[in-house]
Amino acid sequence: MSMTKEGPLGRHRTIHGRVVEWLGLRIVSGELPAGSQLPNEADLAAQLNVSRGGVREAVKALAAKGLVEPRPRLGTRVLPREMWNLMDRDVISWYSRLARADFLTDLLELRLMVEPGAAQLAAERASEEQIAELASAYQRMHQHAPELPEHEEVFVEADLAFHLILLRASGNQLIEQLGRLLETSLYHGLEVSSHAPGGVAATLPMHQAVLAAVRGRKPVAAGRAMRRLIETTIENVRELVSE
């Protein structure tokens, strides 16, 4: 799987990864709608300037994610969204990159169901090291908040770290795994919410309240503080996307 000249895939990542991403983004965006047929293997290989074997392996990867169905002698058909594995890391990443409002809303609703409970467990189970890491992430947020939007990247990275540490500190391996799975989309969601007018000013003290409750070993207070934080984020994002 090699390219001898520049093709539509660009030069980053592996060839296999580029083909999977190129096709996956077009399926998730609707450019290749449900029920449509992918170009045949030879045509797609020529279009993307890759080997036919590279296309074949990429189609297998997309089939494993539930996005397409290869059918012998009939070609490869794009499947409807209800067949997709929406919890696949790549599919989540593609949705996030498209910045679709419906996906962001679904993500916030999922966070509202999961994170207050995780905060409550963290207040009961977090190690002193995890609490120190949580405090460090909050301090970085506090430090860079006045420098937004210039220092948006470091602020969002600190915000992401805060939430991932909290999920890990719950002591529940499935919740921790969910955090790793959603990391890319969570980053994009936090990036969007940081753009909401007054959003950071409103939610930064709520992050501090979550930290204080976890540090003070107050599970109910931690859960309530996290719920208020995410509900406020939902309100801010709704206002932002409706503009």
C-alpha atoms as a PDB file:
ATOM      1  CA  MET A   1       0.000   0.000   0.000  1.00  0.00           C
ATOM      2  CA  SER A   2       2.042   2.913  -1.242  1.00  0.00           C
ATOM      3  CA  MET A   3       1.520   6.177  -3.055  1.00  0.00           C
ATOM      4  CA  THR A   4       3.910   7.492  -5.628  1.00  0.00           C
ATOM      5  CA  LYS A   5       2.228  10.873  -5.993  1.00  0.00           C
ATOM      6  CA  GLU A   6       0.010  13.172  -3.966  1.00  0.00           C
ATOM      7  CA  GLY A   7      -3.625  12.026  -3.982  1.00  0.00           C
ATOM      8  CA  PRO A   8      -6.824  13.301  -2.382  1.00  0.00           C
ATOM      9  CA  LEU A   9      -5.945  11.609   0.895  1.00  0.00           C
ATOM     10  CA  GLY A  10      -3.017  13.878   1.793  1.00  0.00           C
ATOM     11  CA  ARG A  11       0.173  12.636   3.435  1.00  0.00           C
ATOM     12  CA  HIS A  12      -0.694  12.126   7.102  1.00  0.00           C
ATOM     13  CA  ARG A  13      -1.140   8.779   8.906  1.00  0.00           C
ATOM     14  CA  THR A  14      -0.940   5.354   7.268  1.00  0.00           C
ATOM     15  CA  ILE A  15      -2.396   4.744   3.825  1.00  0.00           C
ATOM     16  CA  HIS A  16      -4.934   2.317   5.291  1.00  0.00           C
ATOM     17  CA  GLY A  17      -5.969   4.879   7.897  1.00  0.00           C
ATOM     18  CA  ARG A  18      -6.333   7.599   5.268  1.00  0.00           C
ATOM     19  CA  VAL A  19      -8.620   5.507   3.090  1.00  0.00           C
ATOM     20  CA  VAL A  20     -10.779   4.479   6.062  1.00  0.00           C
ATOM     21  CA  GLU A  21     -11.027   8.090   7.219  1.00  0.00           C
ATOM     22  CA  TRP A  22     -11.695   9.482   3.723  1.00  0.00           C
ATOM     23  CA  LEU A  23     -14.579   7.085   3.176  1.00  0.00           C
ATOM     24  CA  GLY A  24     -15.834   7.169   6.763  1.00  0.00           C
ATOM     25  CA  LEU A  25     -16.154  10.960   6.828  1.00  0.00           C
ATOM     26  CA  ARG A  26     -18.144  10.926   3.598  1.00  0.00           C
ATOM     27  CA  ILE A  27     -20.494   8.281   4.916  1.00  0.00           C
ATOM     28  CA  VAL A  28     -21.050   9.955   8.282  1.00  0.00           C
ATOM     29  CA  SER A  29     -21.550  13.362   6.646  1.00  0.00           C
ATOM     30  CA  GLY A  30     -24.192  11.958   4.284  1.00  0.00           C
ATOM     31  CA  GLU A  31     -22.165  12.658   1.170  1.00  0.00           C
ATOM     32  CA  LEU A  32     -22.395   8.901   0.627  1.00  0.00           C
ATOM     33  CA  PRO A  33     -25.977   8.292   1.802  1.00  0.00           C
ATOM     34  CA  ALA A  34     -27.518   5.099   3.112  1.00  0.00           C
ATOM     35  CA  GLY A  35     -28.289   2.670   0.319  1.00  0.00           C
ATOM     36  CA  SER A  36     -25.738   4.140  -2.063  1.00  0.00           C
ATOM     37  CA  GLN A  37     -22.994   2.033  -3.607  1.00  0.00           C
ATOM     38  CA  LEU A  38     -19.295   2.723  -3.161  1.00  0.00           C
ATOM     39  CA  PRO A  39     -17.341   2.983  -6.408  1.00  0.00           C
ATOM     40  CA  ASN A  40     -15.906  -0.364  -7.410  1.00  0.00           C
ATOM     41  CA  GLU A  41     -12.539  -1.392  -6.037  1.00  0.00           C
ATOM     42  CA  ALA A  42     -10.544  -0.520  -9.145  1.00  0.00           C
ATOM     43  CA  ASP A  43     -12.154   2.899  -9.632  1.00  0.00           C
ATOM     44  CA  LEU A  44     -11.744   3.828  -5.985  1.00  0.00           C
ATOM     45  CA  ALA A  45      -8.112   2.735  -5.971  1.00  0.00           C
ATOM     46  CA  ALA A  46      -7.436   4.894  -9.028  1.00  0.00           C
ATOM     47  CA  GLN A  47      -9.299   7.863  -7.567  1.00  0.00           C
ATOM     48  CA  LEU A  48      -7.397   7.725  -4.282  1.00  0.00           C
ATOM     49  CA  ASN A  49      -4.086   6.674  -5.825  1.00  0.00           C
ATOM     50  CA  VAL A  50      -3.730   3.580  -3.640  1.00  0.00           C
ATOM     51  CA  SER A  51      -3.591  -0.136  -4.292  1.00  0.00           C
ATOM     52  CA  ARG A  52      -6.735  -2.215  -4.708  1.00  0.00           C
ATOM     53  CA  GLY A  53      -5.613  -4.200  -1.676  1.00  0.00           C
ATOM     54  CA  GLY A  54      -5.595  -0.979   0.353  1.00  0.00           C
ATOM     55  CA  VAL A  55      -9.169  -0.230  -0.684  1.00  0.00           C
ATOM     56  CA  ARG A  56     -10.214  -3.796   0.105  1.00  0.00           C
ATOM     57  CA  GLU A  57      -8.763  -3.619   3.624  1.00  0.00           C
ATOM     58  CA  ALA A  58     -10.372  -0.209   4.232  1.00  0.00           C
ATOM     59  CA  VAL A  59     -13.776  -1.538   3.208  1.00  0.00           C
ATOM     60  CA  LYS A  60     -13.338  -4.449   5.616  1.00  0.00           C
ATOM     61  CA  ALA A  61     -12.571  -1.960   8.415  1.00  0.00           C
ATOM     62  CA  LEU A  62     -15.672   0.097   7.589  1.00  0.00           C
ATOM     63  CA  ALA A  63     -17.779  -3.075   7.488  1.00  0.00           C
ATOM     64  CA  ALA A  64     -16.545  -3.959  10.983  1.00  0.00           C
ATOM     65  CA  LYS A  65     -17.823  -0.543  12.132  1.00  0.00           C
ATOM     66  CA  GLY A  66     -21.223  -1.261  10.592  1.00  0.00           C
ATOM     67  CA  LEU A  67     -20.986   1.517   7.995  1.00  0.00           C
ATOM     68  CA  VAL A  68     -20.982  -0.607   4.856  1.00  0.00           C
ATOM     69  CA  GLU A  69     -21.942  -4.071   3.663  1.00  0.00           C
ATOM     70  CA  PRO A  70     -19.730  -5.697   0.997  1.00  0.00           C
ATOM     71  CA  ARG A  71     -21.791  -8.068  -1.147  1.00  0.00           C
ATOM     72  CA  PRO A  72     -20.155 -10.506  -3.560  1.00  0.00           C
ATOM     73  CA  ARG A  73     -20.754  -9.497  -7.194  1.00  0.00           C
ATOM     74  CA  LEU A  74     -23.120  -6.722  -6.071  1.00  0.00           C
ATOM     75  CA  GLY A  75     -20.647  -4.204  -4.681  1.00  0.00           C
ATOM     76  CA  THR A  76     -20.448  -2.419  -1.341  1.00  0.00           C
ATOM     77  CA  ARG A  77     -23.575  -0.719  -0.004  1.00  0.00           C
ATOM     78  CA  VAL A  78     -23.645   2.073   2.604  1.00  0.00           C
ATOM     79  CA  LEU A  79     -25.765   1.001   5.579  1.00  0.00           C
ATOM     80  CA  PRO A  80     -28.287   3.210   7.438  1.00  0.00           C
ATOM     81  CA  ARG A  81     -27.141   4.930  10.618  1.00  0.00           C
ATOM     82  CA  GLU A  82     -29.056   2.551  12.894  1.00  0.00           C
ATOM     83  CA  MET A  83     -26.631  -0.157  11.759  1.00  0.00           C
ATOM     84  CA  TRP A  84     -23.495   1.843  12.586  1.00  0.00           C
ATOM     85  CA  ASN A  85     -21.407   1.249  15.675  1.00  0.00           C
ATOM     86  CA  LEU A  86     -21.782   4.766  17.091  1.00  0.00           C
ATOM     87  CA  MET A  87     -19.542   3.858  20.022  1.00  0.00           C
ATOM     88  CA  ASP A  88     -16.623   3.080  17.718  1.00  0.00           C
ATOM     89  CA  ARG A  89     -13.759   5.504  18.386  1.00  0.00           C
ATOM     90  CA  ASP A  90     -13.337   6.436  14.711  1.00  0.00           C
ATOM     91  CA  VAL A  91     -17.062   6.946  14.116  1.00  0.00           C
ATOM     92  CA  ILE A  92     -17.251   9.190  17.187  1.00  0.00           C
ATOM     93  CA  SER A  93     -14.232  11.127  15.956  1.00  0.00           C
ATOM     94  CA  TRP A  94     -15.765  11.649  12.486  1.00  0.00           C
ATOM     95  CA  TYR A  95     -19.020  12.874  13.973  1.00  0.00           C
ATOM     96  CA  SER A  96     -17.113  15.263  16.225  1.00  0.00           C
ATOM     97  CA  ARG A  97     -15.066  16.696  13.379  1.00  0.00           C
ATOM     98  CA  LEU A  98     -18.252  17.437  11.459  1.00  0.00           C
ATOM     99  CA  ALA A  99     -19.444  19.481  14.479  1.00  0.00           C
ATOM    100  CA  ARG A 100     -23.041  18.287  14.070  1.00  0.00           C
ATOM    101  CA  ALA A 101     -25.387  19.914  16.573  1.00  0.00           C
ATOM    102  CA  ASP A 102     -27.444  16.738  17.049  1.00  0.00           C
ATOM    103  CA  PHE A 103     -24.363  14.704  17.939  1.00  0.00           C
ATOM    104  CA  LEU A 104     -23.189  17.377  20.396  1.00  0.00           C
ATOM    105  CA  THR A 105     -26.615  17.318  22.049  1.00  0.00           C
ATOM    106  CA  ASP A 106     -26.499  13.519  22.318  1.00  0.00           C
ATOM    107  CA  LEU A 107     -23.018  13.731  23.843  1.00  0.00           C
ATOM    108  CA  LEU A 108     -24.150  16.259  26.464  1.00  0.00           C
ATOM    109  CA  GLU A 109     -27.147  14.103  27.350  1.00  0.00           C
ATOM    110  CA  LEU A 110     -24.864  11.092  27.780  1.00  0.00           C
ATOM    111  CA  ARG A 111     -22.534  13.139  29.973  1.00  0.00           C
ATOM    112  CA  LEU A 112     -25.492  14.261  32.083  1.00  0.00           C
ATOM    113  CA  MET A 113     -26.388  10.631  32.729  1.00  0.00           C
ATOM    114  CA  VAL A 114     -22.840   9.449  33.453  1.00  0.00           C
ATOM    115  CA  GLU A 115     -20.693  12.199  34.961  1.00  0.00           C
ATOM    116  CA  PRO A 116     -22.741  13.132  38.072  1.00  0.00           C
ATOM    117  CA  GLY A 117     -22.641   9.481  39.120  1.00  0.00           C
ATOM    118  CA  ALA A 118     -18.936   9.293  38.328  1.00  0.00           C
ATOM    119  CA  ALA A 119     -18.313  12.399  40.453  1.00  0.00           C
ATOM    120  CA  GLN A 120     -20.199  10.825  43.323  1.00  0.00           C
ATOM    121  CA  LEU A 121     -18.116   7.672  43.097  1.00  0.00           C
ATOM    122  CA  ALA A 122     -14.919   9.723  42.789  1.00  0.00           C
ATOM    123  CA  ALA A 123     -15.716  11.476  46.065  1.00  0.00           C
ATOM    124  CA  GLU A 124     -15.843   8.055  47.682  1.00  0.00           C
ATOM    125  CA  ARG A 125     -12.981   6.316  45.890  1.00  0.00           C
ATOM    126  CA  ALA A 126     -10.458   8.780  44.439  1.00  0.00           C
ATOM    127  CA  SER A 127      -6.870   8.329  45.551  1.00  0.00           C
ATOM    128  CA  GLU A 128      -4.911  11.277  46.877  1.00  0.00           C
ATOM    129  CA  GLU A 129      -2.865  11.212  43.682  1.00  0.00           C
ATOM    130  CA  GLN A 130      -6.005  11.445  41.557  1.00  0.00           C
ATOM    131  CA  ILE A 131      -7.311  14.331  43.645  1.00  0.00           C
ATOM    132  CA  ALA A 132      -4.001  16.109  43.156  1.00  0.00           C
ATOM    133  CA  GLU A 133      -4.249  15.532  39.391  1.00  0.00           C
ATOM    134  CA  LEU A 134      -7.812  16.862  39.401  1.00  0.00           C
ATOM    135  CA  ALA A 135      -6.675  19.964  41.295  1.00  0.00           C
ATOM    136  CA  SER A 136      -3.802  20.474  38.848  1.00  0.00           C
ATOM    137  CA  ALA A 137      -6.176  20.302  35.867  1.00  0.00           C
ATOM    138  CA  TYR A 138      -8.487  22.837  37.502  1.00  0.00           C
ATOM    139  CA  GLN A 139      -5.569  25.177  38.227  1.00  0.00           C
ATOM    140  CA  ARG A 140      -4.556  25.080  34.562  1.00  0.00           C
ATOM    141  CA  MET A 141      -8.113  25.933  33.568  1.00  0.00           C
ATOM    142  CA  HIS A 142      -8.171  28.803  36.051  1.00  0.00           C
ATOM    143  CA  GLN A 143      -4.805  30.045  34.803  1.00  0.00           C
ATOM    144  CA  HIS A 144      -5.724  30.092  31.120  1.00  0.00           C
ATOM    145  CA  ALA A 145      -9.394  31.154  31.347  1.00  0.00           C
ATOM    146  CA  PRO A 146      -8.545  34.895  31.327  1.00  0.00           C
ATOM    147  CA  GLU A 147      -6.404  34.327  28.218  1.00  0.00           C
ATOM    148  CA  LEU A 148      -9.228  32.960  26.052  1.00  0.00           C
ATOM    149  CA  PRO A 149      -9.600  32.750  23.115  1.00  0.00           C
ATOM    150  CA  GLU A 150      -5.846  33.083  22.494  1.00  0.00           C
ATOM    151  CA  HIS A 151      -5.006  30.119  24.742  1.00  0.00           C
ATOM    152  CA  GLU A 152      -8.067  28.070  23.854  1.00  0.00           C
ATOM    153  CA  GLU A 153      -6.125  24.880  23.088  1.00  0.00           C
ATOM    154  CA  VAL A 154      -4.375  24.641  26.465  1.00  0.00           C
ATOM    155  CA  PHE A 155      -7.579  25.590  28.289  1.00  0.00           C
ATOM    156  CA  VAL A 156      -9.619  22.895  26.540  1.00  0.00           C
ATOM    157  CA  GLU A 157      -6.863  20.324  27.131  1.00  0.00           C
ATOM    158  CA  ALA A 158      -6.971  21.126  30.854  1.00  0.00           C
ATOM    159  CA  ASP A 159     -10.776  20.930  30.837  1.00  0.00           C
ATOM    160  CA  LEU A 160     -10.613  17.554  29.082  1.00  0.00           C
ATOM    161  CA  ALA A 161      -8.040  16.311  31.598  1.00  0.00           C
ATOM    162  CA  PHE A 162     -10.322  17.354  34.479  1.00  0.00           C
ATOM    163  CA  HIS A 163     -13.229  15.268  33.168  1.00  0.00           C
ATOM    164  CA  LEU A 164     -11.137  12.236  32.189  1.00  0.00           C
ATOM    165  CA  ILE A 165      -9.403  12.197  35.583  1.00  0.00           C
ATOM    166  CA  LEU A 166     -12.791  12.368  37.280  1.00  0.00           C
ATOM    167  CA  LEU A 167     -14.096   9.425  35.258  1.00  0.00           C
ATOM    168  CA  ARG A 168     -10.971   7.436  36.078  1.00  0.00           C
ATOM    169  CA  ALA A 169     -11.249   8.364  39.757  1.00  0.00           C
ATOM    170  CA  SER A 170     -14.722   6.793  39.873  1.00  0.00           C
ATOM    171  CA  GLY A 171     -12.941   3.471  40.238  1.00  0.00           C
ATOM    172  CA  ASN A 172     -15.335   1.895  37.735  1.00  0.00           C
ATOM    173  CA  GLN A 173     -13.435   0.394  34.817  1.00  0.00           C
ATOM    174  CA  LEU A 174     -16.407   0.674  32.417  1.00  0.00           C
ATOM    175  CA  ILE A 175     -16.849   4.371  33.175  1.00  0.00           C
ATOM    176  CA  GLU A 176     -13.119   4.889  32.674  1.00  0.00           C
ATOM    177  CA  GLN A 177     -13.291   3.025  29.355  1.00  0.00           C
ATOM    178  CA  LEU A 178     -16.210   5.215  28.289  1.00  0.00           C
ATOM    179  CA  GLY A 179     -14.057   8.274  28.952  1.00  0.00           C
ATOM    180  CA  ARG A 180     -11.276   6.961  26.730  1.00  0.00           C
ATOM    181  CA  LEU A 181     -13.793   6.074  24.039  1.00  0.00           C
ATOM    182  CA  LEU A 182     -15.360   9.533  24.078  1.00  0.00           C
ATOM    183  CA  GLU A 183     -12.090  11.456  24.457  1.00  0.00           C
ATOM    184  CA  THR A 184     -12.041  12.907  20.949  1.00  0.00           C
ATOM    185  CA  SER A 185     -15.694  13.918  20.927  1.00  0.00           C
ATOM    186  CA  LEU A 186     -15.428  15.226  24.472  1.00  0.00           C
ATOM    187  CA  TYR A 187     -12.538  17.444  23.398  1.00  0.00           C
ATOM    188  CA  HIS A 188     -14.559  18.869  20.515  1.00  0.00           C
ATOM    189  CA  GLY A 189     -17.600  19.330  22.760  1.00  0.00           C
ATOM    190  CA  LEU A 190     -15.575  21.225  25.349  1.00  0.00           C
ATOM    191  CA  GLU A 191     -14.045  23.288  22.562  1.00  0.00           C
ATOM    192  CA  VAL A 192     -17.516  24.319  21.380  1.00  0.00           C
ATOM    193  CA  SER A 193     -18.753  25.084  24.896  1.00  0.00           C
ATOM    194  CA  SER A 194     -15.711  27.303  25.538  1.00  0.00           C
ATOM    195  CA  HIS A 195     -16.986  29.552  22.725  1.00  0.00           C
ATOM    196  CA  ALA A 196     -20.355  30.159  24.409  1.00  0.00           C
ATOM    197  CA  PRO A 197     -20.588  33.772  25.644  1.00  0.00           C
ATOM    198  CA  GLY A 198     -20.099  33.752  29.410  1.00  0.00           C
ATOM    199  CA  GLY A 199     -19.871  29.978  29.421  1.00  0.00           C
ATOM    200  CA  VAL A 200     -16.404  29.669  30.937  1.00  0.00           C
ATOM    201  CA  ALA A 201     -17.100  32.345  33.540  1.00  0.00           C
ATOM    202  CA  ALA A 202     -20.221  30.437  34.591  1.00  0.00           C
ATOM    203  CA  THR A 203     -18.781  26.916  34.623  1.00  0.00           C
ATOM    204  CA  LEU A 204     -15.297  27.502  36.030  1.00  0.00           C
ATOM    205  CA  PRO A 205     -16.606  27.958  39.613  1.00  0.00           C
ATOM    206  CA  MET A 206     -18.674  24.810  39.113  1.00  0.00           C
ATOM    207  CA  HIS A 207     -15.527  22.854  38.280  1.00  0.00           C
ATOM    208  CA  GLN A 208     -14.080  24.195  41.519  1.00  0.00           C
ATOM    209  CA  ALA A 209     -17.205  23.051  43.370  1.00  0.00           C
ATOM    210  CA  VAL A 210     -16.802  19.535  41.954  1.00  0.00           C
ATOM    211  CA  LEU A 211     -13.159  19.509  43.004  1.00  0.00           C
ATOM    212  CA  ALA A 212     -13.979  20.733  46.508  1.00  0.00           C
ATOM    213  CA  ALA A 213     -16.676  18.081  46.969  1.00  0.00           C
ATOM    214  CA  VAL A 214     -14.411  15.268  45.744  1.00  0.00           C
ATOM    215  CA  ARG A 215     -11.557  16.495  47.914  1.00  0.00           C
ATOM    216  CA  GLY A 216     -13.908  16.792  50.894  1.00  0.00           C
ATOM    217  CA  ARG A 217     -15.234  13.265  50.325  1.00  0.00           C
ATOM    218  CA  LYS A 218     -18.803  14.529  49.853  1.00  0.00           C
ATOM    219  CA  PRO A 219     -20.425  12.250  47.271  1.00  0.00           C
ATOM    220  CA  VAL A 220     -23.870  13.872  47.133  1.00  0.00           C
ATOM    221  CA  ALA A 221     -22.391  17.347  46.794  1.00  0.00           C
ATOM    222  CA  ALA A 222     -20.012  16.142  44.081  1.00  0.00           C
ATOM    223  CA  GLY A 223     -22.854  14.625  42.058  1.00  0.00           C
ATOM    224  CA  ARG A 224     -24.984  17.747  42.404  1.00  0.00           C
ATOM    225  CA  ALA A 225     -22.114  20.043  41.434  1.00  0.00           C
ATOM    226  CA  MET A 226     -21.369  18.004  38.319  1.00  0.00           C
ATOM    227  CA  ARG A 227     -25.033  17.945  37.347  1.00  0.00           C
ATOM    228  CA  ARG A 228     -25.239  21.729  37.647  1.00  0.00           C
ATOM    229  CA  LEU A 229     -22.060  22.044  35.589  1.00  0.00           C
ATOM    230  CA  ILE A 230     -23.334  19.939  32.695  1.00  0.00           C
ATOM    231  CA  GLU A 231     -26.847  21.428  32.781  1.00  0.00           C
ATOM    232  CA  THR A 232     -25.299  24.894  32.534  1.00  0.00           C
ATOM    233  CA  THR A 233     -23.113  23.721  29.657  1.00  0.00           C
ATOM    234  CA  ILE A 234     -26.191  22.367  27.863  1.00  0.00           C
ATOM    235  CA  GLU A 235     -27.943  25.735  28.223  1.00  0.00           C
ATOM    236  CA  ASN A 236     -24.878  27.619  26.964  1.00  0.00           C
ATOM    237  CA  VAL A 237     -24.406  25.328  23.974  1.00  0.00           C
ATOM    238  CA  ARG A 238     -28.083  25.525  23.019  1.00  0.00           C
ATOM    239  CA  GLU A 239     -27.851  29.292  22.948  1.00  0.00           C
ATOM    240  CA  LEU A 240     -24.671  29.105  20.883  1.00  0.00           C
ATOM    241  CA  VAL A 241     -25.992  26.714  18.216  1.00  0.00           C
ATOM    242  CA  SER A 242     -29.289  28.588  17.928  1.00  0.00           C
ATOM    243  CA  GLU A 243     -27.564  31.835  16.986  1.00  0.00           C
END
